[in-house]
């Protein structure tokens, strides 16, 4: 009865105007209602709720009055030497970078991510609201423990010149003979693979999810990391999955000759498809 009453009101009320407080309240209510019921309960679509959150975040960190929008211009290189170098040394390169995520309450959290160039395997460093130098060093030590003997296989580590990456952070990798490669100023292409990973995280997960707090962000990132490493093929390593069989490739299946099973990830935000046994 309530759904029918809402439908009648929407047909006759015309376009509804929402105040910022109304938008914040509706966005907060999404945490208590299953996603499949949003279309029945809310007068707007899920995409509208996510757009409201992005608009609030952009307003909080708007710096357009202090500088021109966009990334500063870079000097275009005339030779593909850096690209050739990365491809030739891919098996021994590890890259690291930070990305930020804004919660529903507009609290900014920072995520440290690592990626192996050769296999495209992703490693989640950690989530924090204060990415100090000591915290970053601890994440490097944790990665060393998780990788065990494989930690010494990396010959190069690519990172930017942020103050979070201290001399103690570099020392964790240099202890096993790893050379630290710092990217040049205003040269994002020097760490392009890690930048691409951050873009993938935003497009496939963070831009489509309202993050409640630090624990929630850590949980969804951990679930996505498992999907990224065990089920998501990558074009550059020959359509291979990072944690899959090195000799296998993902190939298209004929739906008329075999059954396909679907596995929902992140409550159906992403789906994995495999042939039925």
C-alpha atoms as a PDB file:
ATOM      1  CA  UNK A   1       0.000   0.000   0.000  1.00  0.00           C
ATOM      2  CA  UNK A   2       2.843   2.409   0.845  1.00  0.00           C
ATOM      3  CA  UNK A   3       4.622   1.613  -2.425  1.00  0.00           C
ATOM      4  CA  UNK A   4       1.458   2.302  -4.415  1.00  0.00           C
ATOM      5  CA  UNK A   5       0.878   5.528  -2.506  1.00  0.00           C
ATOM      6  CA  UNK A   6       4.457   6.649  -3.258  1.00  0.00           C
ATOM      7  CA  UNK A   7       3.939   5.848  -6.939  1.00  0.00           C
ATOM      8  CA  UNK A   8       0.781   7.992  -7.066  1.00  0.00           C
ATOM      9  CA  UNK A   9       2.550  10.896  -5.350  1.00  0.00           C
ATOM     10  CA  UNK A  10       5.496  10.716  -7.761  1.00  0.00           C
ATOM     11  CA  UNK A  11       3.169  10.881 -10.775  1.00  0.00           C
ATOM     12  CA  UNK A  12       1.443  14.011  -9.521  1.00  0.00           C
ATOM     13  CA  UNK A  13       4.128  15.894  -7.614  1.00  0.00           C
ATOM     14  CA  UNK A  14       6.444  16.578 -10.554  1.00  0.00           C
ATOM     15  CA  UNK A  15      10.139  17.061  -9.968  1.00  0.00           C
ATOM     16  CA  UNK A  16      11.106  16.959  -6.286  1.00  0.00           C
ATOM     17  CA  UNK A  17      13.816  19.292  -4.955  1.00  0.00           C
ATOM     18  CA  UNK A  18      16.101  17.904  -2.251  1.00  0.00           C
ATOM     19  CA  UNK A  19      18.062  19.986   0.233  1.00  0.00           C
ATOM     20  CA  UNK A  20      21.639  18.965   1.167  1.00  0.00           C
ATOM     21  CA  UNK A  21      20.348  17.671   4.512  1.00  0.00           C
ATOM     22  CA  UNK A  22      17.780  15.469   2.719  1.00  0.00           C
ATOM     23  CA  UNK A  23      20.487  14.034   0.491  1.00  0.00           C
ATOM     24  CA  UNK A  24      22.781  13.255   3.424  1.00  0.00           C
ATOM     25  CA  UNK A  25      19.919  11.564   5.305  1.00  0.00           C
ATOM     26  CA  UNK A  26      18.912   9.380   2.338  1.00  0.00           C
ATOM     27  CA  UNK A  27      22.542   8.421   1.708  1.00  0.00           C
ATOM     28  CA  UNK A  28      22.947   7.398   5.366  1.00  0.00           C
ATOM     29  CA  UNK A  29      19.817   5.231   5.230  1.00  0.00           C
ATOM     30  CA  UNK A  30      21.301   3.094   2.457  1.00  0.00           C
ATOM     31  CA  UNK A  31      23.488   1.355   5.059  1.00  0.00           C
ATOM     32  CA  UNK A  32      20.390  -0.179   6.711  1.00  0.00           C
ATOM     33  CA  UNK A  33      18.396  -1.267   3.650  1.00  0.00           C
ATOM     34  CA  UNK A  34      19.437  -4.127   1.299  1.00  0.00           C
ATOM     35  CA  UNK A  35      20.603  -2.907  -2.101  1.00  0.00           C
ATOM     36  CA  UNK A  36      17.933  -4.949  -3.919  1.00  0.00           C
ATOM     37  CA  UNK A  37      15.208  -2.963  -2.097  1.00  0.00           C
ATOM     38  CA  UNK A  38      16.530   0.498  -2.981  1.00  0.00           C
ATOM     39  CA  UNK A  39      14.291   0.830  -6.032  1.00  0.00           C
ATOM     40  CA  UNK A  40      11.212   0.128  -3.879  1.00  0.00           C
ATOM     41  CA  UNK A  41      12.085   2.403  -0.956  1.00  0.00           C
ATOM     42  CA  UNK A  42      14.038   5.404  -2.217  1.00  0.00           C
ATOM     43  CA  UNK A  43      12.580   8.021  -4.591  1.00  0.00           C
ATOM     44  CA  UNK A  44      15.918   8.191  -6.444  1.00  0.00           C
ATOM     45  CA  UNK A  45      18.171   5.633  -8.119  1.00  0.00           C
ATOM     46  CA  UNK A  46      21.352   4.164  -6.540  1.00  0.00           C
ATOM     47  CA  UNK A  47      23.427   6.092  -9.093  1.00  0.00           C
ATOM     48  CA  UNK A  48      21.897   9.342  -7.813  1.00  0.00           C
ATOM     49  CA  UNK A  49      22.811   8.493  -4.204  1.00  0.00           C
ATOM     50  CA  UNK A  50      26.419   7.805  -5.219  1.00  0.00           C
ATOM     51  CA  UNK A  51      26.521  11.026  -7.251  1.00  0.00           C
ATOM     52  CA  UNK A  52      25.339  13.013  -4.223  1.00  0.00           C
ATOM     53  CA  UNK A  53      28.170  11.563  -2.146  1.00  0.00           C
ATOM     54  CA  UNK A  54      30.779  12.418  -4.792  1.00  0.00           C
ATOM     55  CA  UNK A  55      29.406  15.970  -4.995  1.00  0.00           C
ATOM     56  CA  UNK A  56      29.646  16.439  -1.222  1.00  0.00           C
ATOM     57  CA  UNK A  57      33.218  15.126  -1.236  1.00  0.00           C
ATOM     58  CA  UNK A  58      34.229  17.408  -4.103  1.00  0.00           C
ATOM     59  CA  UNK A  59      32.735  20.413  -2.327  1.00  0.00           C
ATOM     60  CA  UNK A  60      34.701  19.685   0.862  1.00  0.00           C
ATOM     61  CA  UNK A  61      38.040  19.446  -0.924  1.00  0.00           C
ATOM     62  CA  UNK A  62      37.396  22.081  -3.601  1.00  0.00           C
ATOM     63  CA  UNK A  63      40.608  23.999  -4.276  1.00  0.00           C
ATOM     64  CA  UNK A  64      39.563  25.634  -7.539  1.00  0.00           C
ATOM     65  CA  UNK A  65      39.796  29.088  -5.974  1.00  0.00           C
ATOM     66  CA  UNK A  66      43.453  28.550  -5.099  1.00  0.00           C
ATOM     67  CA  UNK A  67      44.742  26.952  -8.294  1.00  0.00           C
ATOM     68  CA  UNK A  68      43.652  25.997 -11.773  1.00  0.00           C
ATOM     69  CA  UNK A  69      41.786  22.666 -12.069  1.00  0.00           C
ATOM     70  CA  UNK A  70      43.451  19.563 -13.434  1.00  0.00           C
ATOM     71  CA  UNK A  71      46.909  18.060 -13.252  1.00  0.00           C
ATOM     72  CA  UNK A  72      49.880  20.379 -13.933  1.00  0.00           C
ATOM     73  CA  UNK A  73      51.241  20.062 -17.479  1.00  0.00           C
ATOM     74  CA  UNK A  74      54.029  17.572 -18.045  1.00  0.00           C
ATOM     75  CA  UNK A  75      56.863  17.491 -20.531  1.00  0.00           C
ATOM     76  CA  UNK A  76      56.101  15.002 -23.308  1.00  0.00           C
ATOM     77  CA  UNK A  77      58.892  12.473 -23.779  1.00  0.00           C
ATOM     78  CA  UNK A  78      60.185  11.854 -27.304  1.00  0.00           C
ATOM     79  CA  UNK A  79      61.557   8.371 -26.694  1.00  0.00           C
ATOM     80  CA  UNK A  80      59.874   5.177 -25.380  1.00  0.00           C
ATOM     81  CA  UNK A  81      62.921   4.260 -23.285  1.00  0.00           C
ATOM     82  CA  UNK A  82      61.061   4.166 -19.945  1.00  0.00           C
ATOM     83  CA  UNK A  83      58.271   1.964 -21.336  1.00  0.00           C
ATOM     84  CA  UNK A  84      60.778  -0.467 -22.807  1.00  0.00           C
ATOM     85  CA  UNK A  85      62.663  -0.568 -19.514  1.00  0.00           C
ATOM     86  CA  UNK A  86      59.525  -1.424 -17.528  1.00  0.00           C
ATOM     87  CA  UNK A  87      58.613  -4.231 -19.903  1.00  0.00           C
ATOM     88  CA  UNK A  88      62.092  -5.723 -19.882  1.00  0.00           C
ATOM     89  CA  UNK A  89      62.388  -5.650 -16.084  1.00  0.00           C
ATOM     90  CA  UNK A  90      58.729  -6.410 -15.254  1.00  0.00           C
ATOM     91  CA  UNK A  91      59.390  -9.689 -13.428  1.00  0.00           C
ATOM     92  CA  UNK A  92      61.536  -7.952 -10.821  1.00  0.00           C
ATOM     93  CA  UNK A  93      59.589  -4.710 -10.306  1.00  0.00           C
ATOM     94  CA  UNK A  94      57.280  -3.864  -7.423  1.00  0.00           C
ATOM     95  CA  UNK A  95      55.345  -0.564  -7.385  1.00  0.00           C
ATOM     96  CA  UNK A  96      53.643   1.222  -4.490  1.00  0.00           C
ATOM     97  CA  UNK A  97      51.372   4.229  -4.121  1.00  0.00           C
ATOM     98  CA  UNK A  98      48.663   5.802  -1.964  1.00  0.00           C
ATOM     99  CA  UNK A  99      45.032   6.496  -2.813  1.00  0.00           C
ATOM    100  CA  UNK A 100      42.432   8.301  -0.739  1.00  0.00           C
ATOM    101  CA  UNK A 101      38.788   7.411  -0.051  1.00  0.00           C
ATOM    102  CA  UNK A 102      36.137   9.669   1.494  1.00  0.00           C
ATOM    103  CA  UNK A 103      33.534   8.061   3.751  1.00  0.00           C
ATOM    104  CA  UNK A 104      29.842   8.927   4.046  1.00  0.00           C
ATOM    105  CA  UNK A 105      30.720  11.404   6.810  1.00  0.00           C
ATOM    106  CA  UNK A 106      33.398  12.957   4.508  1.00  0.00           C
ATOM    107  CA  UNK A 107      36.267  11.569   6.578  1.00  0.00           C
ATOM    108  CA  UNK A 108      39.294  11.022   4.355  1.00  0.00           C
ATOM    109  CA  UNK A 109      41.045   7.638   4.620  1.00  0.00           C
ATOM    110  CA  UNK A 110      44.292   6.603   2.922  1.00  0.00           C
ATOM    111  CA  UNK A 111      45.055   3.212   1.391  1.00  0.00           C
ATOM    112  CA  UNK A 112      48.530   1.876   0.580  1.00  0.00           C
ATOM    113  CA  UNK A 113      48.665  -0.577  -2.329  1.00  0.00           C
ATOM    114  CA  UNK A 114      51.483  -2.601  -3.916  1.00  0.00           C
ATOM    115  CA  UNK A 115      51.434  -4.297  -7.325  1.00  0.00           C
ATOM    116  CA  UNK A 116      53.868  -6.697  -8.992  1.00  0.00           C
ATOM    117  CA  UNK A 117      54.584  -5.691 -12.581  1.00  0.00           C
ATOM    118  CA  UNK A 118      55.236  -9.182 -13.852  1.00  0.00           C
ATOM    119  CA  UNK A 119      52.069 -10.903 -12.628  1.00  0.00           C
ATOM    120  CA  UNK A 120      49.862  -7.871 -11.817  1.00  0.00           C
ATOM    121  CA  UNK A 121      49.349  -9.363  -8.329  1.00  0.00           C
ATOM    122  CA  UNK A 122      47.883  -6.778  -5.936  1.00  0.00           C
ATOM    123  CA  UNK A 123      48.867  -6.462  -2.258  1.00  0.00           C
ATOM    124  CA  UNK A 124      46.819  -4.352   0.137  1.00  0.00           C
ATOM    125  CA  UNK A 125      49.196  -2.506   2.457  1.00  0.00           C
ATOM    126  CA  UNK A 126      46.713  -1.047   4.928  1.00  0.00           C
ATOM    127  CA  UNK A 127      44.083   1.604   5.638  1.00  0.00           C
ATOM    128  CA  UNK A 128      44.561   4.594   7.936  1.00  0.00           C
ATOM    129  CA  UNK A 129      43.393   8.144   8.531  1.00  0.00           C
ATOM    130  CA  UNK A 130      46.970   9.287   9.315  1.00  0.00           C
ATOM    131  CA  UNK A 131      49.549   7.874   6.882  1.00  0.00           C
ATOM    132  CA  UNK A 132      52.680   8.762   8.837  1.00  0.00           C
ATOM    133  CA  UNK A 133      56.161   7.609   7.938  1.00  0.00           C
ATOM    134  CA  UNK A 134      56.240   5.078  10.808  1.00  0.00           C
ATOM    135  CA  UNK A 135      52.919   3.591   9.699  1.00  0.00           C
ATOM    136  CA  UNK A 136      54.182   3.221   6.123  1.00  0.00           C
ATOM    137  CA  UNK A 137      57.337   1.456   7.330  1.00  0.00           C
ATOM    138  CA  UNK A 138      55.213  -1.025   9.274  1.00  0.00           C
ATOM    139  CA  UNK A 139      53.205  -1.856   6.136  1.00  0.00           C
ATOM    140  CA  UNK A 140      56.454  -2.580   4.275  1.00  0.00           C
ATOM    141  CA  UNK A 141      57.564  -4.951   7.041  1.00  0.00           C
ATOM    142  CA  UNK A 142      54.188  -6.686   6.983  1.00  0.00           C
ATOM    143  CA  UNK A 143      54.501  -7.182   3.222  1.00  0.00           C
ATOM    144  CA  UNK A 144      57.960  -8.688   3.712  1.00  0.00           C
ATOM    145  CA  UNK A 145      56.539 -11.203   6.203  1.00  0.00           C
ATOM    146  CA  UNK A 146      53.612 -12.087   3.933  1.00  0.00           C
ATOM    147  CA  UNK A 147      55.800 -12.691   0.873  1.00  0.00           C
ATOM    148  CA  UNK A 148      58.483 -14.612   2.737  1.00  0.00           C
ATOM    149  CA  UNK A 149      61.233 -15.781   0.390  1.00  0.00           C
ATOM    150  CA  UNK A 150      59.612 -14.055  -2.605  1.00  0.00           C
ATOM    151  CA  UNK A 151      60.306 -10.641  -1.062  1.00  0.00           C
ATOM    152  CA  UNK A 152      63.947 -10.814  -2.126  1.00  0.00           C
ATOM    153  CA  UNK A 153      63.035 -11.495  -5.776  1.00  0.00           C
ATOM    154  CA  UNK A 154      62.227  -7.852  -6.468  1.00  0.00           C
ATOM    155  CA  UNK A 155      65.126  -5.906  -7.947  1.00  0.00           C
ATOM    156  CA  UNK A 156      63.386  -2.539  -8.148  1.00  0.00           C
ATOM    157  CA  UNK A 157      60.721  -0.657  -6.186  1.00  0.00           C
ATOM    158  CA  UNK A 158      58.941   2.257  -7.882  1.00  0.00           C
ATOM    159  CA  UNK A 159      57.506   4.948  -5.621  1.00  0.00           C
ATOM    160  CA  UNK A 160      56.854   8.672  -5.710  1.00  0.00           C
ATOM    161  CA  UNK A 161      58.603  11.366  -3.681  1.00  0.00           C
ATOM    162  CA  UNK A 162      55.955  11.660  -0.949  1.00  0.00           C
ATOM    163  CA  UNK A 163      57.100  12.359   2.589  1.00  0.00           C
ATOM    164  CA  UNK A 164      55.384   9.140   3.736  1.00  0.00           C
ATOM    165  CA  UNK A 165      58.143   7.111   2.066  1.00  0.00           C
ATOM    166  CA  UNK A 166      61.013   7.703   4.468  1.00  0.00           C
ATOM    167  CA  UNK A 167      64.563   6.353   4.517  1.00  0.00           C
ATOM    168  CA  UNK A 168      63.413   3.636   6.939  1.00  0.00           C
ATOM    169  CA  UNK A 169      60.785   2.541   4.414  1.00  0.00           C
ATOM    170  CA  UNK A 170      63.441   2.234   1.692  1.00  0.00           C
ATOM    171  CA  UNK A 171      65.721   0.328   4.069  1.00  0.00           C
ATOM    172  CA  UNK A 172      63.174  -2.512   4.388  1.00  0.00           C
ATOM    173  CA  UNK A 173      63.564  -3.220   0.660  1.00  0.00           C
ATOM    174  CA  UNK A 174      67.240  -2.327   0.336  1.00  0.00           C
ATOM    175  CA  UNK A 175      68.071  -4.985   2.933  1.00  0.00           C
ATOM    176  CA  UNK A 176      67.390  -7.635   0.259  1.00  0.00           C
ATOM    177  CA  UNK A 177      69.194  -5.774  -2.527  1.00  0.00           C
ATOM    178  CA  UNK A 178      66.215  -3.915  -4.003  1.00  0.00           C
ATOM    179  CA  UNK A 179      66.957  -0.636  -5.767  1.00  0.00           C
ATOM    180  CA  UNK A 180      64.575   2.252  -5.046  1.00  0.00           C
ATOM    181  CA  UNK A 181      63.378   4.122  -8.141  1.00  0.00           C
ATOM    182  CA  UNK A 182      61.769   7.465  -7.318  1.00  0.00           C
ATOM    183  CA  UNK A 183      59.519   8.886 -10.003  1.00  0.00           C
ATOM    184  CA  UNK A 184      60.293  12.283 -11.447  1.00  0.00           C
ATOM    185  CA  UNK A 185      58.215  15.310 -10.471  1.00  0.00           C
ATOM    186  CA  UNK A 186      54.959  15.600 -12.455  1.00  0.00           C
ATOM    187  CA  UNK A 187      55.595  12.301 -14.274  1.00  0.00           C
ATOM    188  CA  UNK A 188      52.733   9.917 -13.399  1.00  0.00           C
ATOM    189  CA  UNK A 189      53.583   7.625 -16.326  1.00  0.00           C
ATOM    190  CA  UNK A 190      56.703   6.472 -14.509  1.00  0.00           C
ATOM    191  CA  UNK A 191      54.396   4.579 -12.135  1.00  0.00           C
ATOM    192  CA  UNK A 192      51.684   3.916 -14.710  1.00  0.00           C
ATOM    193  CA  UNK A 193      50.830   0.343 -13.684  1.00  0.00           C
ATOM    194  CA  UNK A 194      50.160   1.314 -10.075  1.00  0.00           C
ATOM    195  CA  UNK A 195      48.194   4.355 -11.277  1.00  0.00           C
ATOM    196  CA  UNK A 196      46.131   2.027 -13.461  1.00  0.00           C
ATOM    197  CA  UNK A 197      45.453  -0.222 -10.467  1.00  0.00           C
ATOM    198  CA  UNK A 198      44.161   2.784  -8.509  1.00  0.00           C
ATOM    199  CA  UNK A 199      41.932   3.722 -11.432  1.00  0.00           C
ATOM    200  CA  UNK A 200      40.562   0.173 -11.550  1.00  0.00           C
ATOM    201  CA  UNK A 201      39.814   0.255  -7.822  1.00  0.00           C
ATOM    202  CA  UNK A 202      37.862   3.475  -8.277  1.00  0.00           C
ATOM    203  CA  UNK A 203      35.911   2.425 -11.383  1.00  0.00           C
ATOM    204  CA  UNK A 204      35.007  -1.093 -10.255  1.00  0.00           C
ATOM    205  CA  UNK A 205      34.620  -0.595  -6.494  1.00  0.00           C
ATOM    206  CA  UNK A 206      35.064   2.757  -4.758  1.00  0.00           C
ATOM    207  CA  UNK A 207      32.980   4.911  -7.136  1.00  0.00           C
ATOM    208  CA  UNK A 208      30.115   2.436  -6.780  1.00  0.00           C
ATOM    209  CA  UNK A 209      30.155   1.974  -3.008  1.00  0.00           C
ATOM    210  CA  UNK A 210      29.387   4.266  -0.087  1.00  0.00           C
ATOM    211  CA  UNK A 211      32.081   3.650   2.540  1.00  0.00           C
ATOM    212  CA  UNK A 212      30.881   3.820   6.141  1.00  0.00           C
ATOM    213  CA  UNK A 213      34.155   3.782   8.096  1.00  0.00           C
ATOM    214  CA  UNK A 214      37.685   2.406   8.181  1.00  0.00           C
ATOM    215  CA  UNK A 215      36.641  -1.162   9.036  1.00  0.00           C
ATOM    216  CA  UNK A 216      34.129  -1.185   6.177  1.00  0.00           C
ATOM    217  CA  UNK A 217      36.728   0.064   3.688  1.00  0.00           C
ATOM    218  CA  UNK A 218      39.236  -2.567   4.794  1.00  0.00           C
ATOM    219  CA  UNK A 219      36.631  -5.326   4.406  1.00  0.00           C
ATOM    220  CA  UNK A 220      35.524  -4.395   0.879  1.00  0.00           C
ATOM    221  CA  UNK A 221      39.133  -3.916  -0.273  1.00  0.00           C
ATOM    222  CA  UNK A 222      40.120  -7.333   1.074  1.00  0.00           C
ATOM    223  CA  UNK A 223      37.225  -8.980  -0.768  1.00  0.00           C
ATOM    224  CA  UNK A 224      38.047  -7.131  -3.977  1.00  0.00           C
ATOM    225  CA  UNK A 225      41.732  -8.066  -3.665  1.00  0.00           C
ATOM    226  CA  UNK A 226      40.799 -11.752  -3.637  1.00  0.00           C
ATOM    227  CA  UNK A 227      38.698 -11.228  -6.773  1.00  0.00           C
ATOM    228  CA  UNK A 228      41.473  -9.216  -8.447  1.00  0.00           C
ATOM    229  CA  UNK A 229      44.156 -11.831  -7.767  1.00  0.00           C
ATOM    230  CA  UNK A 230      42.202 -15.065  -8.259  1.00  0.00           C
ATOM    231  CA  UNK A 231      39.517 -14.382 -10.878  1.00  0.00           C
ATOM    232  CA  UNK A 232      40.221 -11.192 -12.854  1.00  0.00           C
ATOM    233  CA  UNK A 233      42.297 -11.739 -16.025  1.00  0.00           C
ATOM    234  CA  UNK A 234      44.713  -9.031 -17.143  1.00  0.00           C
ATOM    235  CA  UNK A 235      45.442  -8.226 -20.806  1.00  0.00           C
ATOM    236  CA  UNK A 236      49.156  -7.478 -20.475  1.00  0.00           C
ATOM    237  CA  UNK A 237      50.254 -10.883 -19.035  1.00  0.00           C
ATOM    238  CA  UNK A 238      48.313 -12.670 -21.804  1.00  0.00           C
ATOM    239  CA  UNK A 239      44.838 -12.723 -20.179  1.00  0.00           C
ATOM    240  CA  UNK A 240      46.235 -14.573 -17.166  1.00  0.00           C
ATOM    241  CA  UNK A 241      44.988 -14.386 -13.593  1.00  0.00           C
ATOM    242  CA  UNK A 242      47.699 -13.254 -11.105  1.00  0.00           C
ATOM    243  CA  UNK A 243      47.284 -16.235  -8.758  1.00  0.00           C
ATOM    244  CA  UNK A 244      46.231 -18.695 -11.458  1.00  0.00           C
ATOM    245  CA  UNK A 245      48.175 -21.378 -13.303  1.00  0.00           C
ATOM    246  CA  UNK A 246      51.111 -19.647 -15.083  1.00  0.00           C
ATOM    247  CA  UNK A 247      50.474 -21.731 -18.211  1.00  0.00           C
ATOM    248  CA  UNK A 248      46.726 -21.168 -18.417  1.00  0.00           C
ATOM    249  CA  UNK A 249      44.815 -18.368 -20.097  1.00  0.00           C
ATOM    250  CA  UNK A 250      41.214 -17.224 -19.840  1.00  0.00           C
ATOM    251  CA  UNK A 251      39.353 -18.092 -23.040  1.00  0.00           C
ATOM    252  CA  UNK A 252      35.790 -17.449 -24.141  1.00  0.00           C
ATOM    253  CA  UNK A 253      33.377 -20.338 -23.580  1.00  0.00           C
ATOM    254  CA  UNK A 254      30.535 -21.329 -25.885  1.00  0.00           C
ATOM    255  CA  UNK A 255      27.340 -20.961 -23.812  1.00  0.00           C
ATOM    256  CA  UNK A 256      25.607 -23.513 -26.014  1.00  0.00           C
ATOM    257  CA  UNK A 257      27.989 -26.351 -25.168  1.00  0.00           C
ATOM    258  CA  UNK A 258      28.669 -25.875 -21.454  1.00  0.00           C
ATOM    259  CA  UNK A 259      27.014 -24.571 -18.309  1.00  0.00           C
ATOM    260  CA  UNK A 260      28.249 -21.370 -16.703  1.00  0.00           C
ATOM    261  CA  UNK A 261      28.140 -20.727 -12.965  1.00  0.00           C
ATOM    262  CA  UNK A 262      27.928 -17.219 -11.546  1.00  0.00           C
ATOM    263  CA  UNK A 263      29.575 -16.226  -8.257  1.00  0.00           C
ATOM    264  CA  UNK A 264      28.538 -12.821  -6.840  1.00  0.00           C
ATOM    265  CA  UNK A 265      31.295 -10.732  -5.247  1.00  0.00           C
ATOM    266  CA  UNK A 266      30.715  -7.764  -2.919  1.00  0.00           C
ATOM    267  CA  UNK A 267      26.975  -8.530  -2.630  1.00  0.00           C
ATOM    268  CA  UNK A 268      26.557  -8.722  -6.400  1.00  0.00           C
ATOM    269  CA  UNK A 269      28.462  -5.562  -7.299  1.00  0.00           C
ATOM    270  CA  UNK A 270      30.811  -7.792  -9.332  1.00  0.00           C
ATOM    271  CA  UNK A 271      30.134 -11.264 -10.749  1.00  0.00           C
ATOM    272  CA  UNK A 272      32.603 -14.043 -11.527  1.00  0.00           C
ATOM    273  CA  UNK A 273      31.741 -16.647 -14.193  1.00  0.00           C
ATOM    274  CA  UNK A 274      33.208 -20.139 -14.462  1.00  0.00           C
ATOM    275  CA  UNK A 275      32.439 -23.307 -16.330  1.00  0.00           C
ATOM    276  CA  UNK A 276      30.438 -25.806 -14.309  1.00  0.00           C
ATOM    277  CA  UNK A 277      32.403 -28.911 -13.306  1.00  0.00           C
END
